[in-house]
Amino acid sequence: MTDLDKLKHLVLAPYILKATALIGVSRRVGGNQFRHGFSTLGILLDYKYFNDSVLLKASLIHDLLEDVPDTQVEDIRRTDFEGNQVVDLVLEVTRRREESKAQYLQRVLETGSVHARTLKCADRISNLTDLHRDTHPDHKITDYLIQTEQYILPMAREVNSDMVIELTDLIEERRKILRRMMSAGTVALYSNDAMVE
């Protein structure tokens, strides 16, 4: 079966319907979590995960349990013949209440399945693409980039070498932007000091 045939037979509609609950969950960068799910799905398709229906279905709802806590998990399990696997994967990538962000990422890195680490890498690629200075302070961006290097890059090294390249490029591009803006801020600061004198 060709990649196109695999896509033709992929049924995502029931999971798209579940994901509509995320329309009301806004993102700091604009848009909402529903669109972010589609972005994550698009990244996985771009990386040719055409025949991994559980991964693709889970990508659409990977933030659902965290962002909409009253979600009926058993209802998702009954969605289709892969519902149990999809829910189990979503649970793997869902941060638990008692976990710090670092503990959560360490858990996925150390004990997450290949599916969980792949999904987390695609999720982080989407998030890095949306990471901008007009929505996040510089120190938050810096922390996020360090966190990506510490936890997400090791995941990518284990699941997809091409994701390593993209993540590394995104990290470097965000750092370049920060350096340029810091340089521009320093120049502006000196210019303002000169004007005061």
C-alpha atoms as a PDB file:
ATOM      1  CA  MET A   1       0.000   0.000   0.000  1.00  0.00           C
ATOM      2  CA  THR A   2       1.413   3.398  -0.967  1.00  0.00           C
ATOM      3  CA  ASP A   3       1.577   6.376   1.387  1.00  0.00           C
ATOM      4  CA  LEU A   4      -1.341   7.922  -0.482  1.00  0.00           C
ATOM      5  CA  ASP A   5      -3.406   4.757  -0.030  1.00  0.00           C
ATOM      6  CA  LYS A   6      -2.601   4.738   3.679  1.00  0.00           C
ATOM      7  CA  LEU A   7      -3.826   8.313   3.980  1.00  0.00           C
ATOM      8  CA  LYS A   8      -6.978   7.519   2.010  1.00  0.00           C
ATOM      9  CA  HIS A   9      -7.887   4.838   4.539  1.00  0.00           C
ATOM     10  CA  LEU A  10      -7.085   6.892   7.636  1.00  0.00           C
ATOM     11  CA  VAL A  11     -10.222   7.883   9.541  1.00  0.00           C
ATOM     12  CA  LEU A  12      -9.579  10.913  11.737  1.00  0.00           C
ATOM     13  CA  ALA A  13     -13.057  12.440  11.888  1.00  0.00           C
ATOM     14  CA  PRO A  14     -14.064  10.970  15.285  1.00  0.00           C
ATOM     15  CA  TYR A  15     -10.859  12.341  16.824  1.00  0.00           C
ATOM     16  CA  ILE A  16     -11.326  15.708  15.159  1.00  0.00           C
ATOM     17  CA  LEU A  17     -14.756  15.851  16.803  1.00  0.00           C
ATOM     18  CA  LYS A  18     -13.179  15.078  20.186  1.00  0.00           C
ATOM     19  CA  ALA A  19     -10.524  17.738  19.559  1.00  0.00           C
ATOM     20  CA  THR A  20     -13.159  20.442  19.010  1.00  0.00           C
ATOM     21  CA  ALA A  21     -13.314  20.723  22.822  1.00  0.00           C
ATOM     22  CA  LEU A  22      -9.917  22.441  22.489  1.00  0.00           C
ATOM     23  CA  ILE A  23     -11.321  25.302  20.401  1.00  0.00           C
ATOM     24  CA  GLY A  24     -12.110  27.188  23.596  1.00  0.00           C
ATOM     25  CA  VAL A  25      -8.589  26.793  24.975  1.00  0.00           C
ATOM     26  CA  SER A  26      -6.570  29.772  23.771  1.00  0.00           C
ATOM     27  CA  ARG A  27      -2.822  29.868  23.228  1.00  0.00           C
ATOM     28  CA  ARG A  28      -0.625  32.730  24.357  1.00  0.00           C
ATOM     29  CA  VAL A  29       0.728  32.955  20.792  1.00  0.00           C
ATOM     30  CA  GLY A  30      -2.790  33.352  19.409  1.00  0.00           C
ATOM     31  CA  GLY A  31      -5.192  30.792  18.068  1.00  0.00           C
ATOM     32  CA  ASN A  32      -6.226  27.836  20.168  1.00  0.00           C
ATOM     33  CA  GLN A  33      -5.222  24.342  21.183  1.00  0.00           C
ATOM     34  CA  PHE A  34      -7.450  22.831  18.489  1.00  0.00           C
ATOM     35  CA  ARG A  35      -5.246  24.391  15.812  1.00  0.00           C
ATOM     36  CA  HIS A  36      -2.126  23.288  17.696  1.00  0.00           C
ATOM     37  CA  GLY A  37      -3.338  19.679  17.478  1.00  0.00           C
ATOM     38  CA  PHE A  38      -3.611  20.044  13.709  1.00  0.00           C
ATOM     39  CA  SER A  39      -0.155  21.595  13.588  1.00  0.00           C
ATOM     40  CA  THR A  40       1.253  18.593  15.460  1.00  0.00           C
ATOM     41  CA  LEU A  41      -0.579  16.236  13.100  1.00  0.00           C
ATOM     42  CA  GLY A  42       0.843  18.144  10.126  1.00  0.00           C
ATOM     43  CA  ILE A  43       4.379  17.799  11.468  1.00  0.00           C
ATOM     44  CA  LEU A  44       3.956  14.031  11.835  1.00  0.00           C
ATOM     45  CA  LEU A  45       2.595  13.774   8.298  1.00  0.00           C
ATOM     46  CA  ASP A  46       5.506  15.884   7.066  1.00  0.00           C
ATOM     47  CA  TYR A  47       7.800  13.312   8.684  1.00  0.00           C
ATOM     48  CA  LYS A  48       5.961  10.532   6.811  1.00  0.00           C
ATOM     49  CA  TYR A  49       4.238   8.793   9.712  1.00  0.00           C
ATOM     50  CA  PHE A  50       1.434   7.892   7.279  1.00  0.00           C
ATOM     51  CA  ASN A  51       0.966   4.335   8.482  1.00  0.00           C
ATOM     52  CA  ASP A  52       0.937   5.112  12.194  1.00  0.00           C
ATOM     53  CA  SER A  53      -2.756   5.744  12.743  1.00  0.00           C
ATOM     54  CA  VAL A  54      -2.563   5.615  16.558  1.00  0.00           C
ATOM     55  CA  LEU A  55       0.133   8.303  16.597  1.00  0.00           C
ATOM     56  CA  LEU A  56      -1.773  10.504  14.143  1.00  0.00           C
ATOM     57  CA  LYS A  57      -5.056  10.184  16.034  1.00  0.00           C
ATOM     58  CA  ALA A  58      -3.367  10.913  19.355  1.00  0.00           C
ATOM     59  CA  SER A  59      -1.685  14.012  17.922  1.00  0.00           C
ATOM     60  CA  LEU A  60      -5.074  15.656  17.445  1.00  0.00           C
ATOM     61  CA  ILE A  61      -6.049  15.216  21.086  1.00  0.00           C
ATOM     62  CA  HIS A  62      -2.650  15.089  22.820  1.00  0.00           C
ATOM     63  CA  ASP A  63      -3.481  18.131  25.006  1.00  0.00           C
ATOM     64  CA  LEU A  64      -7.126  17.270  25.595  1.00  0.00           C
ATOM     65  CA  LEU A  65      -6.846  15.565  28.994  1.00  0.00           C
ATOM     66  CA  GLU A  66      -4.577  18.283  30.356  1.00  0.00           C
ATOM     67  CA  ASP A  67      -6.487  21.269  28.963  1.00  0.00           C
ATOM     68  CA  VAL A  68     -10.037  19.938  29.356  1.00  0.00           C
ATOM     69  CA  PRO A  69      -9.857  17.947  32.623  1.00  0.00           C
ATOM     70  CA  ASP A  70     -13.506  16.891  32.580  1.00  0.00           C
ATOM     71  CA  THR A  71     -12.965  14.932  29.355  1.00  0.00           C
ATOM     72  CA  GLN A  72     -14.579  11.505  29.513  1.00  0.00           C
ATOM     73  CA  VAL A  73     -11.631   9.181  28.898  1.00  0.00           C
ATOM     74  CA  GLU A  74     -13.836   6.103  28.547  1.00  0.00           C
ATOM     75  CA  ASP A  75     -15.766   7.852  25.787  1.00  0.00           C
ATOM     76  CA  ILE A  76     -12.535   8.299  23.825  1.00  0.00           C
ATOM     77  CA  ARG A  77     -11.611   4.662  24.425  1.00  0.00           C
ATOM     78  CA  ARG A  78     -14.846   3.687  22.646  1.00  0.00           C
ATOM     79  CA  THR A  79     -14.197   5.975  19.653  1.00  0.00           C
ATOM     80  CA  ASP A  80     -12.942   3.195  17.389  1.00  0.00           C
ATOM     81  CA  PHE A  81     -10.932  -0.025  17.413  1.00  0.00           C
ATOM     82  CA  GLU A  82      -7.762   1.924  18.285  1.00  0.00           C
ATOM     83  CA  GLY A  83      -9.346   4.053  21.002  1.00  0.00           C
ATOM     84  CA  ASN A  84      -7.603   2.259  23.868  1.00  0.00           C
ATOM     85  CA  GLN A  85      -4.191   2.659  22.255  1.00  0.00           C
ATOM     86  CA  VAL A  86      -4.859   6.320  21.458  1.00  0.00           C
ATOM     87  CA  VAL A  87      -5.901   7.081  25.048  1.00  0.00           C
ATOM     88  CA  ASP A  88      -2.907   5.213  26.461  1.00  0.00           C
ATOM     89  CA  LEU A  89      -0.596   7.282  24.265  1.00  0.00           C
ATOM     90  CA  VAL A  90      -2.312  10.551  25.206  1.00  0.00           C
ATOM     91  CA  LEU A  91      -1.977   9.599  28.883  1.00  0.00           C
ATOM     92  CA  GLU A  92       1.758   9.022  28.382  1.00  0.00           C
ATOM     93  CA  VAL A  93       2.226  12.583  27.089  1.00  0.00           C
ATOM     94  CA  THR A  94      -0.127  14.206  29.604  1.00  0.00           C
ATOM     95  CA  ARG A  95       1.537  16.010  32.492  1.00  0.00           C
ATOM     96  CA  ARG A  96       0.295  14.728  35.839  1.00  0.00           C
ATOM     97  CA  ARG A  97      -0.852  17.194  38.495  1.00  0.00           C
ATOM     98  CA  GLU A  98       1.957  16.300  40.881  1.00  0.00           C
ATOM     99  CA  GLU A  99       4.690  16.629  38.244  1.00  0.00           C
ATOM    100  CA  SER A 100       6.814  19.683  37.631  1.00  0.00           C
ATOM    101  CA  LYS A 101       7.549  20.367  33.969  1.00  0.00           C
ATOM    102  CA  ALA A 102      11.051  18.932  34.405  1.00  0.00           C
ATOM    103  CA  GLN A 103       9.728  15.784  36.122  1.00  0.00           C
ATOM    104  CA  TYR A 104       7.164  15.319  33.371  1.00  0.00           C
ATOM    105  CA  LEU A 105       9.714  15.634  30.565  1.00  0.00           C
ATOM    106  CA  GLN A 106      12.172  13.378  32.408  1.00  0.00           C
ATOM    107  CA  ARG A 107       9.436  10.736  32.736  1.00  0.00           C
ATOM    108  CA  VAL A 108       8.626  10.824  29.025  1.00  0.00           C
ATOM    109  CA  LEU A 109      12.335  10.728  28.173  1.00  0.00           C
ATOM    110  CA  GLU A 110      13.109   7.797  30.477  1.00  0.00           C
ATOM    111  CA  THR A 111       9.961   5.678  30.345  1.00  0.00           C
ATOM    112  CA  GLY A 112       7.923   6.961  27.402  1.00  0.00           C
ATOM    113  CA  SER A 113       7.250   4.676  24.472  1.00  0.00           C
ATOM    114  CA  VAL A 114       8.669   5.438  21.034  1.00  0.00           C
ATOM    115  CA  HIS A 115       5.214   6.778  20.166  1.00  0.00           C
ATOM    116  CA  ALA A 116       5.206   9.086  23.199  1.00  0.00           C
ATOM    117  CA  ARG A 117       8.675  10.471  22.476  1.00  0.00           C
ATOM    118  CA  THR A 118       7.850  10.957  18.793  1.00  0.00           C
ATOM    119  CA  LEU A 119       4.628  12.778  19.640  1.00  0.00           C
ATOM    120  CA  LYS A 120       6.424  14.948  22.213  1.00  0.00           C
ATOM    121  CA  CYS A 121       9.046  15.904  19.611  1.00  0.00           C
ATOM    122  CA  ALA A 122       6.369  16.893  17.073  1.00  0.00           C
ATOM    123  CA  ASP A 123       4.543  18.835  19.784  1.00  0.00           C
ATOM    124  CA  ARG A 124       7.737  20.709  20.684  1.00  0.00           C
ATOM    125  CA  ILE A 125       8.489  21.508  17.027  1.00  0.00           C
ATOM    126  CA  SER A 126       5.039  23.085  16.813  1.00  0.00           C
ATOM    127  CA  ASN A 127       5.583  24.999  20.047  1.00  0.00           C
ATOM    128  CA  LEU A 128       9.023  26.256  19.010  1.00  0.00           C
ATOM    129  CA  THR A 129       7.614  27.432  15.707  1.00  0.00           C
ATOM    130  CA  ASP A 130       5.074  29.493  17.672  1.00  0.00           C
ATOM    131  CA  LEU A 131       7.611  30.824  20.194  1.00  0.00           C
ATOM    132  CA  HIS A 132       8.029  34.580  19.691  1.00  0.00           C
ATOM    133  CA  ARG A 133       9.351  37.514  21.705  1.00  0.00           C
ATOM    134  CA  ASP A 134       6.058  39.372  21.469  1.00  0.00           C
ATOM    135  CA  THR A 135       4.312  36.600  23.431  1.00  0.00           C
ATOM    136  CA  HIS A 136       7.030  35.388  25.806  1.00  0.00           C
ATOM    137  CA  PRO A 137       9.687  37.277  27.799  1.00  0.00           C
ATOM    138  CA  ASP A 138      13.299  36.609  26.833  1.00  0.00           C
ATOM    139  CA  HIS A 139      14.091  34.635  29.995  1.00  0.00           C
ATOM    140  CA  LYS A 140      11.112  32.303  29.364  1.00  0.00           C
ATOM    141  CA  ILE A 141      12.269  31.695  25.796  1.00  0.00           C
ATOM    142  CA  THR A 142      15.807  30.998  27.029  1.00  0.00           C
ATOM    143  CA  ASP A 143      14.508  28.540  29.643  1.00  0.00           C
ATOM    144  CA  TYR A 144      12.329  26.827  27.023  1.00  0.00           C
ATOM    145  CA  LEU A 145      15.291  26.413  24.677  1.00  0.00           C
ATOM    146  CA  ILE A 146      17.458  24.959  27.456  1.00  0.00           C
ATOM    147  CA  GLN A 147      14.624  22.594  28.391  1.00  0.00           C
ATOM    148  CA  THR A 148      14.341  21.522  24.745  1.00  0.00           C
ATOM    149  CA  GLU A 149      18.055  20.745  24.610  1.00  0.00           C
ATOM    150  CA  GLN A 150      17.973  18.867  27.903  1.00  0.00           C
ATOM    151  CA  TYR A 151      14.890  16.703  27.363  1.00  0.00           C
ATOM    152  CA  ILE A 152      13.480  16.885  23.835  1.00  0.00           C
ATOM    153  CA  LEU A 153      16.674  16.569  21.770  1.00  0.00           C
ATOM    154  CA  PRO A 154      17.595  13.298  23.531  1.00  0.00           C
ATOM    155  CA  MET A 155      14.106  11.997  22.714  1.00  0.00           C
ATOM    156  CA  ALA A 156      14.527  12.991  19.078  1.00  0.00           C
ATOM    157  CA  ARG A 157      17.926  11.276  18.911  1.00  0.00           C
ATOM    158  CA  GLU A 158      16.188   8.049  19.869  1.00  0.00           C
ATOM    159  CA  VAL A 159      13.220   8.302  17.498  1.00  0.00           C
ATOM    160  CA  ASN A 160      13.988  10.424  14.418  1.00  0.00           C
ATOM    161  CA  SER A 161      17.307  11.931  13.334  1.00  0.00           C
ATOM    162  CA  ASP A 162      15.549  14.402  11.025  1.00  0.00           C
ATOM    163  CA  MET A 163      13.646  15.802  13.998  1.00  0.00           C
ATOM    164  CA  VAL A 164      17.004  16.373  15.706  1.00  0.00           C
ATOM    165  CA  ILE A 165      18.024  18.564  12.777  1.00  0.00           C
ATOM    166  CA  GLU A 166      14.798  20.569  12.821  1.00  0.00           C
ATOM    167  CA  LEU A 167      14.800  21.015  16.602  1.00  0.00           C
ATOM    168  CA  THR A 168      18.457  22.088  16.554  1.00  0.00           C
ATOM    169  CA  ASP A 169      17.738  24.587  13.768  1.00  0.00           C
ATOM    170  CA  LEU A 170      14.714  25.996  15.621  1.00  0.00           C
ATOM    171  CA  ILE A 171      16.727  26.388  18.826  1.00  0.00           C
ATOM    172  CA  GLU A 172      19.523  28.179  16.982  1.00  0.00           C
ATOM    173  CA  GLU A 173      17.123  30.470  15.111  1.00  0.00           C
ATOM    174  CA  ARG A 174      15.364  31.471  18.336  1.00  0.00           C
ATOM    175  CA  ARG A 175      18.738  32.168  19.964  1.00  0.00           C
ATOM    176  CA  LYS A 176      19.803  34.315  16.992  1.00  0.00           C
ATOM    177  CA  ILE A 177      16.620  36.356  17.316  1.00  0.00           C
ATOM    178  CA  LEU A 178      17.247  36.835  21.041  1.00  0.00           C
ATOM    179  CA  ARG A 179      20.867  37.908  20.397  1.00  0.00           C
ATOM    180  CA  ARG A 180      19.798  40.387  17.698  1.00  0.00           C
ATOM    181  CA  MET A 181      17.124  41.878  19.912  1.00  0.00           C
ATOM    182  CA  MET A 182      19.494  42.111  22.873  1.00  0.00           C
ATOM    183  CA  SER A 183      22.077  43.845  20.668  1.00  0.00           C
ATOM    184  CA  ALA A 184      19.415  46.227  19.351  1.00  0.00           C
ATOM    185  CA  GLY A 185      18.316  46.911  22.941  1.00  0.00           C
ATOM    186  CA  THR A 186      21.883  47.670  23.972  1.00  0.00           C
ATOM    187  CA  VAL A 187      22.309  50.069  21.037  1.00  0.00           C
ATOM    188  CA  ALA A 188      19.012  51.765  21.901  1.00  0.00           C
ATOM    189  CA  LEU A 189      20.090  52.039  25.539  1.00  0.00           C
ATOM    190  CA  TYR A 190      23.353  53.731  24.576  1.00  0.00           C
ATOM    191  CA  SER A 191      21.510  55.992  22.142  1.00  0.00           C
ATOM    192  CA  ASN A 192      19.100  57.057  24.881  1.00  0.00           C
ATOM    193  CA  ASP A 193      21.992  57.705  27.278  1.00  0.00           C
ATOM    194  CA  ALA A 194      23.701  59.837  24.682  1.00  0.00           C
ATOM    195  CA  MET A 195      20.497  61.802  24.139  1.00  0.00           C
ATOM    196  CA  VAL A 196      20.195  62.460  27.869  1.00  0.00           C
ATOM    197  CA  GLU A 197      23.737  63.875  28.031  1.00  0.00           C
END
